[in-house]
N, C-alpha and C. Protein backbone atom coordinates (compact mmCIF):
# COMPACT_ATOMS: atom_id res chain seq x y z
N MET A 1 15.53 -3.54 17.33
CA MET A 1 14.77 -2.26 17.86
C MET A 1 13.08 -2.47 17.36
N TYR A 2 13.30 -2.14 16.61
CA TYR A 2 11.66 -1.93 16.07
C TYR A 2 10.66 -3.33 16.30
N TRP A 3 11.46 -4.11 16.06
CA TRP A 3 10.57 -5.41 17.69
C TRP A 3 10.06 -5.12 18.44
N GLY A 4 10.75 -4.12 19.37
CA GLY A 4 10.68 -4.02 20.92
C GLY A 4 9.98 -3.13 21.15
N ILE A 5 10.33 -1.89 19.79
CA ILE A 5 9.01 -0.45 20.48
C ILE A 5 7.82 -1.50 19.67
N CYS A 6 7.34 -1.95 19.08
CA CYS A 6 6.40 -2.68 18.72
C CYS A 6 5.69 -3.45 19.65
N THR A 7 6.38 -4.45 20.04
CA THR A 7 5.88 -5.33 21.15
C THR A 7 5.71 -4.29 22.73
N PHE A 8 6.44 -3.74 23.06
CA PHE A 8 6.49 -2.74 24.24
C PHE A 8 4.97 -1.24 23.68
N GLY A 9 4.99 -1.04 23.05
CA GLY A 9 3.71 0.05 22.39
C GLY A 9 2.37 -0.98 22.01
N SER A 10 2.31 -2.07 21.96
CA SER A 10 1.07 -3.02 21.81
C SER A 10 0.73 -3.10 23.50
N CYS A 11 2.23 -4.00 24.34
CA CYS A 11 1.40 -4.15 25.78
C CYS A 11 1.11 -2.95 26.74
N ILE A 12 1.70 -1.35 26.50
CA ILE A 12 1.17 0.26 26.42
C ILE A 12 -0.36 0.17 26.47
N ILE A 13 -0.38 0.29 25.57
CA ILE A 13 -1.78 -0.03 24.42
C ILE A 13 -2.94 -0.44 25.37
N GLY A 14 -2.58 -1.67 25.19
CA GLY A 14 -3.46 -2.92 26.13
C GLY A 14 -3.33 -2.54 27.61
N ILE A 15 -2.18 -2.16 28.35
CA ILE A 15 -2.98 -1.74 29.63
C ILE A 15 -3.24 -0.45 29.71
N PHE A 16 -3.17 0.67 28.98
CA PHE A 16 -4.13 1.58 28.89
C PHE A 16 -5.62 1.47 28.56
N THR A 17 -5.69 0.71 27.78
CA THR A 17 -7.37 0.33 27.03
C THR A 17 -7.82 -0.71 28.07
N SER A 18 -7.20 -1.31 29.24
CA SER A 18 -7.76 -2.69 29.92
C SER A 18 -9.03 -1.63 30.37
N SER A 19 -8.93 -0.32 31.22
CA SER A 19 -10.03 -0.13 31.40
C SER A 19 -11.39 0.60 31.02
N ILE A 20 -11.11 0.51 29.64
CA ILE A 20 -12.35 0.52 29.18
C ILE A 20 -13.43 -0.14 28.73
N TYR A 21 -12.91 -1.62 28.75
CA TYR A 21 -14.12 -2.36 28.40
C TYR A 21 -14.57 -2.52 30.10
N SER A 22 -13.92 -2.19 30.90
CA SER A 22 -15.17 -2.13 32.30
C SER A 22 -16.20 -0.95 31.99
N PHE A 23 -15.77 -0.25 31.67
CA PHE A 23 -16.66 1.09 31.44
C PHE A 23 -17.63 0.58 30.00
N CYS A 24 -17.52 -0.13 29.23
CA CYS A 24 -18.71 -0.61 28.65
C CYS A 24 -19.30 -1.26 29.13
N ILE A 25 -18.83 -2.31 30.23
CA ILE A 25 -19.82 -3.41 31.02
C ILE A 25 -20.95 -2.67 31.77
N ALA A 26 -20.31 -0.77 32.52
CA ALA A 26 -21.43 -0.56 33.18
C ALA A 26 -22.08 0.49 32.54
N LEU A 27 -21.36 0.64 31.23
CA LEU A 27 -22.45 2.29 30.36
C LEU A 27 -23.47 1.52 30.45
N PRO A 28 -23.80 0.34 29.58
CA PRO A 28 -25.85 0.04 29.43
C PRO A 28 -26.26 0.33 30.96
N ALA A 29 -25.50 -0.28 31.97
CA ALA A 29 -26.96 0.09 33.31
C ALA A 29 -27.02 1.60 33.31
N ASP A 30 -25.73 2.07 33.14
CA ASP A 30 -26.10 3.34 33.85
C ASP A 30 -27.27 4.41 33.17
N ASN A 31 -26.58 3.86 31.62
CA ASN A 31 -27.72 4.75 30.40
C ASN A 31 -29.25 4.25 30.45
N GLY A 32 -29.57 2.94 31.21
CA GLY A 32 -31.00 2.69 31.49
C GLY A 32 -31.58 1.53 30.68
N PHE A 33 -30.15 0.53 29.82
CA PHE A 33 -30.91 -0.17 29.36
C PHE A 33 -30.63 -1.60 30.42
N LYS A 34 -31.34 -2.61 29.95
CA LYS A 34 -31.15 -3.79 30.35
C LYS A 34 -29.75 -4.49 30.72
N PRO A 35 -29.07 -4.64 31.93
CA PRO A 35 -27.85 -5.10 31.90
C PRO A 35 -28.45 -6.39 31.24
N SER A 36 -27.79 -6.86 30.42
CA SER A 36 -27.36 -8.18 29.69
C SER A 36 -25.63 -8.34 29.16
N THR A 37 -25.97 -9.32 28.43
CA THR A 37 -25.19 -9.77 27.30
C THR A 37 -24.93 -9.10 26.57
N SER A 38 -26.52 -8.97 25.64
CA SER A 38 -26.13 -8.80 24.40
C SER A 38 -25.84 -7.58 23.87
N ASN A 39 -26.59 -6.44 25.54
CA ASN A 39 -26.62 -4.86 25.55
C ASN A 39 -25.39 -4.37 25.98
N THR A 40 -24.09 -5.42 26.84
CA THR A 40 -22.88 -4.94 27.05
C THR A 40 -22.18 -5.47 25.37
N ALA A 41 -22.08 -6.37 25.18
CA ALA A 41 -21.34 -6.84 23.51
C ALA A 41 -22.12 -5.95 22.44
N ASN A 42 -23.01 -5.19 22.72
CA ASN A 42 -23.01 -4.08 21.66
C ASN A 42 -22.23 -3.26 21.93
N PHE A 43 -22.21 -2.78 23.40
CA PHE A 43 -21.22 -1.24 23.73
C PHE A 43 -19.69 -1.98 23.41
N VAL A 44 -19.58 -2.86 23.70
CA VAL A 44 -17.98 -3.27 23.38
C VAL A 44 -17.60 -2.85 22.21
N LEU A 45 -18.53 -3.39 20.90
CA LEU A 45 -18.35 -3.62 19.53
C LEU A 45 -18.32 -2.36 19.20
N ALA A 46 -19.04 -1.51 19.48
CA ALA A 46 -19.24 -0.04 19.47
C ALA A 46 -18.17 0.71 19.77
N ASN A 47 -17.42 0.28 21.01
CA ASN A 47 -16.34 0.78 21.05
C ASN A 47 -14.96 0.10 20.52
N SER A 48 -15.03 -0.54 19.58
CA SER A 48 -13.98 -1.00 18.71
C SER A 48 -14.02 -0.38 17.37
N PHE A 49 -15.36 -0.42 17.15
CA PHE A 49 -15.10 0.40 15.66
C PHE A 49 -15.16 1.95 16.13
N GLY A 50 -15.15 2.66 17.42
CA GLY A 50 -14.67 3.92 17.49
C GLY A 50 -13.54 3.96 17.62
N GLU A 51 -12.50 3.07 18.18
CA GLU A 51 -11.20 3.31 18.05
C GLU A 51 -10.71 3.16 16.67
N GLY A 52 -11.35 2.30 15.95
CA GLY A 52 -10.64 1.95 15.09
C GLY A 52 -10.83 3.15 14.00
N PHE A 53 -12.43 3.97 13.92
CA PHE A 53 -12.33 5.32 12.86
C PHE A 53 -11.20 5.85 13.61
N LEU A 54 -11.20 5.98 14.75
CA LEU A 54 -9.83 6.72 15.21
C LEU A 54 -8.52 6.75 14.55
N ILE A 55 -7.97 5.25 14.84
CA ILE A 55 -6.94 5.14 14.09
C ILE A 55 -6.84 5.16 13.03
N THR A 56 -7.75 5.33 12.25
CA THR A 56 -7.24 4.70 10.56
C THR A 56 -7.13 6.98 10.02
N PRO A 57 -7.82 7.42 10.16
CA PRO A 57 -6.74 8.61 9.66
C PRO A 57 -5.72 9.28 10.51
N ILE A 58 -5.90 8.66 11.39
CA ILE A 58 -4.03 9.32 12.16
C ILE A 58 -3.39 8.00 11.15
N GLY A 59 -3.27 6.71 11.34
CA GLY A 59 -2.31 6.08 9.87
C GLY A 59 -2.24 6.72 8.50
N TYR A 60 -3.31 7.08 8.33
CA TYR A 60 -3.26 7.52 6.41
C TYR A 60 -2.66 8.84 6.49
N GLY A 61 -2.85 9.92 7.95
CA GLY A 61 -2.18 10.96 7.74
C GLY A 61 -0.81 11.15 7.74
N MET A 62 0.03 9.89 8.52
CA MET A 62 1.04 9.88 9.20
C MET A 62 2.01 9.08 7.56
N SER A 63 1.16 8.64 6.90
CA SER A 63 1.61 7.75 5.42
C SER A 63 1.67 9.00 4.82
N ILE A 64 0.69 9.98 4.48
CA ILE A 64 0.54 10.93 3.46
C ILE A 64 1.66 11.89 4.20
N PHE A 65 1.85 12.42 5.24
CA PHE A 65 2.64 13.81 5.92
C PHE A 65 4.22 13.52 6.40
N GLY A 66 3.88 11.98 7.21
CA GLY A 66 5.18 11.24 7.57
C GLY A 66 5.26 11.41 9.17
N TYR A 67 5.70 10.78 9.76
CA TYR A 67 5.64 10.20 11.24
C TYR A 67 5.67 11.67 11.96
N LYS A 68 6.43 12.64 11.81
CA LYS A 68 6.74 13.76 12.58
C LYS A 68 5.17 14.27 12.74
N SER A 69 4.17 14.66 11.81
CA SER A 69 3.26 15.13 11.97
C SER A 69 2.19 14.47 12.29
N LEU A 70 3.03 13.29 13.18
CA LEU A 70 1.50 12.69 14.39
C LEU A 70 1.12 13.94 15.17
N ILE A 71 1.77 15.10 16.17
CA ILE A 71 0.95 15.49 17.26
C ILE A 71 -0.10 16.36 16.15
N VAL A 72 0.44 16.85 15.46
CA VAL A 72 -0.58 18.02 14.66
C VAL A 72 -1.72 17.11 14.23
N ILE A 73 -1.84 16.04 14.05
CA ILE A 73 -2.73 15.30 13.15
C ILE A 73 -3.41 14.95 14.45
N VAL A 74 -3.23 15.02 15.58
CA VAL A 74 -3.76 14.27 17.01
C VAL A 74 -4.44 15.51 17.41
N PHE A 75 -3.80 16.35 17.15
CA PHE A 75 -4.50 18.17 17.90
C PHE A 75 -5.48 18.08 16.86
N ILE A 76 -5.74 17.79 15.87
CA ILE A 76 -6.57 17.92 14.23
C ILE A 76 -7.98 17.49 14.83
N LEU A 77 -7.75 16.34 14.89
CA LEU A 77 -8.78 15.22 15.47
C LEU A 77 -9.54 15.55 16.75
N SER A 78 -8.44 16.39 17.39
CA SER A 78 -9.14 16.26 18.76
C SER A 78 -9.76 17.25 19.01
N SER A 79 -9.48 18.77 18.03
CA SER A 79 -10.32 19.73 18.12
C SER A 79 -11.63 19.56 17.45
N ILE A 80 -11.50 18.28 16.77
CA ILE A 80 -12.97 17.94 15.82
C ILE A 80 -13.52 17.79 16.50
N ALA A 81 -13.33 16.44 17.21
CA ALA A 81 -13.68 16.14 18.45
C ALA A 81 -14.13 16.50 19.47
N ASN A 82 -13.70 17.62 20.44
CA ASN A 82 -14.03 18.78 21.26
C ASN A 82 -15.60 19.51 20.01
N TRP A 83 -14.92 20.19 19.24
CA TRP A 83 -16.11 20.99 18.61
C TRP A 83 -17.64 20.23 18.22
N SER A 84 -17.03 18.88 18.57
CA SER A 84 -18.61 18.14 17.54
C SER A 84 -19.65 17.74 18.88
N PHE A 85 -19.08 17.50 19.80
CA PHE A 85 -19.56 17.16 21.56
C PHE A 85 -20.24 18.99 22.30
N ARG A 86 -19.88 20.28 21.63
CA ARG A 86 -20.31 21.12 22.08
C ARG A 86 -22.14 21.39 21.75
């Protein structure tokens, strides 16, 4: 069961995030950067670092407080992100 959940979860995450990479390809051109492979690679790399920085505190929080605290941790991080963009 654990193996199936991990495999299914990885597939679902891949399906949900597949649109992000096309967004990263279009983002440099939309912000006035010259469309080149170097600029696109920089935006995709920054996106990957951002995803890693988001997942790491969630994982550490779950290891400290348990898996039932996931919704609270996501709510706190979402509130911080919402506050930072105001």
